[in-house]
């Protein structure tokens, strides 16, 4: 699977119990994607993802408790802690007109309303009620709340934001 064919949906928080289940915390708390897919991919850092079949997934208040085929004890499950969980894009519903998955914004150029280039979206990070875009430029990374987005031009791969003063300034 290529990076374009997989979509990051969450992260393994910890092992759960003695039978090898994991607690997976989804990036989107409202997502029910894991109830519809037969498997998921787990990736450590920037390494190659490894595919696992889902034996059982149940929703909890913290996320999902998942039993993976071949993960039969707590020690094996504990080794998966911190890995990013991805699913095949083709297993998800196509977004409605005018909508897109937040992960699809990675690689988009970010400009302010004055047209000044501020960087490129390097990542989307969960932050409670509102995800943040990690915008990278030559000097530093900045975290931009999705609420600041004013326009997304998919054809040009450009995001226009309403940048408050100081958001992209270096600290002295």
Protein backbone atom coordinates (compact mmCIF):
# COMPACT_ATOMS: atom_id res chain seq x y z
CA UNK A 1 0.00 0.00 0.00
CA UNK A 2 1.22 3.49 -0.79
CA UNK A 3 0.91 6.52 1.47
CA UNK A 4 -1.83 7.89 -0.82
CA UNK A 5 -3.88 4.70 -0.45
CA UNK A 6 -3.80 4.78 3.36
CA UNK A 7 -5.42 7.30 5.68
CA UNK A 8 -4.22 7.88 9.26
CA UNK A 9 -7.11 7.51 11.67
CA UNK A 10 -5.58 7.30 15.15
CA UNK A 11 -2.87 6.00 17.43
CA UNK A 12 -2.43 2.95 19.67
CA UNK A 13 -2.59 4.26 23.24
CA UNK A 14 -1.77 1.07 25.14
CA UNK A 15 -2.32 -2.66 25.60
CA UNK A 16 -5.59 -3.62 27.25
CA UNK A 17 -5.98 -6.74 29.35
CA UNK A 18 -4.00 -9.97 29.12
CA UNK A 19 -5.39 -11.35 25.84
CA UNK A 20 -3.60 -8.94 23.52
CA UNK A 21 -6.19 -6.27 22.86
CA UNK A 22 -5.14 -2.68 22.20
CA UNK A 23 -6.80 0.64 22.93
CA UNK A 24 -6.78 2.76 19.80
CA UNK A 25 -7.62 6.45 20.16
CA UNK A 26 -9.06 7.85 16.90
CA UNK A 27 -8.02 11.28 15.65
CA UNK A 28 -11.70 12.01 15.01
CA UNK A 29 -13.66 11.16 18.15
CA UNK A 30 -16.88 10.89 16.10
CA UNK A 31 -15.42 8.41 13.61
CA UNK A 32 -16.91 4.97 13.36
CA UNK A 33 -14.51 3.85 10.61
CA UNK A 34 -13.15 0.89 12.57
CA UNK A 35 -16.55 -0.76 12.73
CA UNK A 36 -16.56 -1.05 8.91
CA UNK A 37 -13.08 -2.30 8.00
CA UNK A 38 -11.64 -5.82 8.11
CA UNK A 39 -8.10 -4.71 8.88
CA UNK A 40 -5.79 -1.86 9.71
CA UNK A 41 -2.19 -0.90 9.21
CA UNK A 42 0.11 0.09 12.08
CA UNK A 43 3.20 2.22 11.49
CA UNK A 44 6.01 3.04 13.90
CA UNK A 45 7.39 6.52 13.13
CA UNK A 46 8.09 6.93 9.43
CA UNK A 47 8.61 3.19 8.93
CA UNK A 48 6.66 0.92 6.65
CA UNK A 49 3.18 0.07 7.96
CA UNK A 50 2.31 -3.50 8.92
CA UNK A 51 -1.16 -4.90 8.16
CA UNK A 52 -3.29 -6.63 10.81
CA UNK A 53 -6.67 -8.28 10.45
CA UNK A 54 -9.25 -7.07 12.99
CA UNK A 55 -10.78 -9.97 14.92
CA UNK A 56 -13.06 -7.67 16.95
CA UNK A 57 -13.45 -3.94 17.52
CA UNK A 58 -15.71 -2.34 20.07
CA UNK A 59 -16.31 1.31 20.80
CA UNK A 60 -15.55 2.61 24.31
CA UNK A 61 -15.52 6.04 25.89
CA UNK A 62 -11.73 6.30 25.31
CA UNK A 63 -11.73 5.02 21.70
CA UNK A 64 -11.75 1.44 20.40
CA UNK A 65 -10.76 -1.81 22.06
CA UNK A 66 -9.40 -3.94 19.26
CA UNK A 67 -8.41 -7.60 19.06
CA UNK A 68 -5.96 -8.15 16.20
CA UNK A 69 -5.30 -11.54 14.57
CA UNK A 70 -1.93 -12.86 15.74
CA UNK A 71 -1.70 -10.54 18.76
CA UNK A 72 -2.54 -12.97 21.55
CA UNK A 73 -0.92 -11.60 24.70
CA UNK A 74 -0.30 -8.36 26.56
CA UNK A 75 3.44 -8.28 25.79
CA UNK A 76 2.85 -8.41 22.03
CA UNK A 77 0.10 -5.78 22.28
CA UNK A 78 2.35 -3.52 24.40
CA UNK A 79 4.92 -3.47 21.57
CA UNK A 80 2.31 -1.73 19.39
CA UNK A 81 1.97 1.24 21.76
CA UNK A 82 2.43 4.60 20.05
CA UNK A 83 2.02 3.27 16.51
CA UNK A 84 -0.11 5.24 14.12
CA UNK A 85 -3.16 3.40 12.81
CA UNK A 86 -4.08 3.68 9.14
CA UNK A 87 -6.87 2.22 7.05
CA UNK A 88 -7.28 1.75 3.34
CA UNK A 89 -8.86 4.85 1.81
CA UNK A 90 -11.04 2.67 -0.42
CA UNK A 91 -12.78 1.24 2.65
CA UNK A 92 -14.07 4.69 3.66
CA UNK A 93 -17.10 6.47 2.26
CA UNK A 94 -16.35 9.10 -0.39
CA UNK A 95 -16.59 12.56 1.22
CA UNK A 96 -19.61 14.66 0.28
CA UNK A 97 -19.31 17.52 -2.18
CA UNK A 98 -17.21 20.30 -0.64
CA UNK A 99 -15.78 18.00 2.05
CA UNK A 100 -12.46 16.21 2.36
CA UNK A 101 -10.55 14.22 4.92
CA UNK A 102 -8.23 16.42 7.03
CA UNK A 103 -5.29 14.11 6.26
CA UNK A 104 -5.68 15.04 2.59
CA UNK A 105 -4.49 18.58 3.43
CA UNK A 106 -0.92 17.33 3.95
CA UNK A 107 1.28 18.86 1.27
CA UNK A 108 -1.01 21.86 0.63
CA UNK A 109 0.65 25.29 0.57
CA UNK A 110 -0.60 27.69 3.28
CA UNK A 111 -0.99 31.40 2.51
CA UNK A 112 -2.45 34.22 4.58
CA UNK A 113 -5.26 36.45 3.30
CA UNK A 114 -2.66 38.88 1.96
CA UNK A 115 -1.23 36.14 -0.26
CA UNK A 116 1.99 35.67 1.74
CA UNK A 117 3.19 32.05 1.66
CA UNK A 118 3.45 30.76 5.26
CA UNK A 119 4.56 27.16 4.67
CA UNK A 120 3.31 23.72 3.75
CA UNK A 121 1.04 21.42 5.76
CA UNK A 122 3.36 18.73 7.15
CA UNK A 123 0.83 16.94 9.38
CA UNK A 124 -2.60 17.10 10.99
CA UNK A 125 -2.55 16.73 14.77
CA UNK A 126 -5.50 15.92 17.00
CA UNK A 127 -6.08 18.48 19.73
CA UNK A 128 -9.34 17.79 21.47
CA UNK A 129 -12.28 19.56 19.88
CA UNK A 130 -10.31 20.97 16.97
CA UNK A 131 -7.48 19.47 14.93
CA UNK A 132 -4.35 21.50 14.20
CA UNK A 133 -2.37 21.77 10.98
CA UNK A 134 1.40 21.56 11.46
CA UNK A 135 2.63 24.15 8.96
CA UNK A 136 6.33 23.88 8.16
CA UNK A 137 8.48 26.62 6.64
CA UNK A 138 12.26 27.16 6.50
CA UNK A 139 12.40 28.67 10.00
CA UNK A 140 10.03 26.55 12.06
CA UNK A 141 6.81 24.59 12.45
CA UNK A 142 3.63 26.38 13.49
CA UNK A 143 0.37 24.87 14.71
CA UNK A 144 -2.67 26.34 12.96
CA UNK A 145 -6.19 25.60 14.25
CA UNK A 146 -8.61 24.47 11.55
CA UNK A 147 -10.90 27.34 12.60
CA UNK A 148 -8.47 29.75 10.89
CA UNK A 149 -9.05 28.18 7.46
CA UNK A 150 -10.91 30.54 5.13
CA UNK A 151 -10.61 28.75 1.80
CA UNK A 152 -9.30 25.46 0.43
CA UNK A 153 -8.41 25.41 -3.26
CA UNK A 154 -8.10 21.69 -4.02
CA UNK A 155 -7.11 22.23 -7.65
CA UNK A 156 -4.11 24.43 -6.75
CA UNK A 157 -3.48 22.62 -3.41
CA UNK A 158 -3.57 25.91 -1.50
CA UNK A 159 -5.15 26.79 1.85
CA UNK A 160 -5.94 30.41 2.72
CA UNK A 161 -5.95 31.18 6.45
CA UNK A 162 -6.78 34.16 8.63
CA UNK A 163 -3.44 34.31 10.46
CA UNK A 164 -3.43 36.31 13.70
CA UNK A 165 -0.41 38.52 14.29
CA UNK A 166 2.55 36.59 15.65
CA UNK A 167 1.41 33.11 14.56
CA UNK A 168 4.36 32.64 12.21
CA UNK A 169 6.90 34.88 13.97
CA UNK A 170 10.05 33.48 15.51
CA UNK A 171 10.34 33.84 19.26
CA UNK A 172 13.24 36.11 20.38
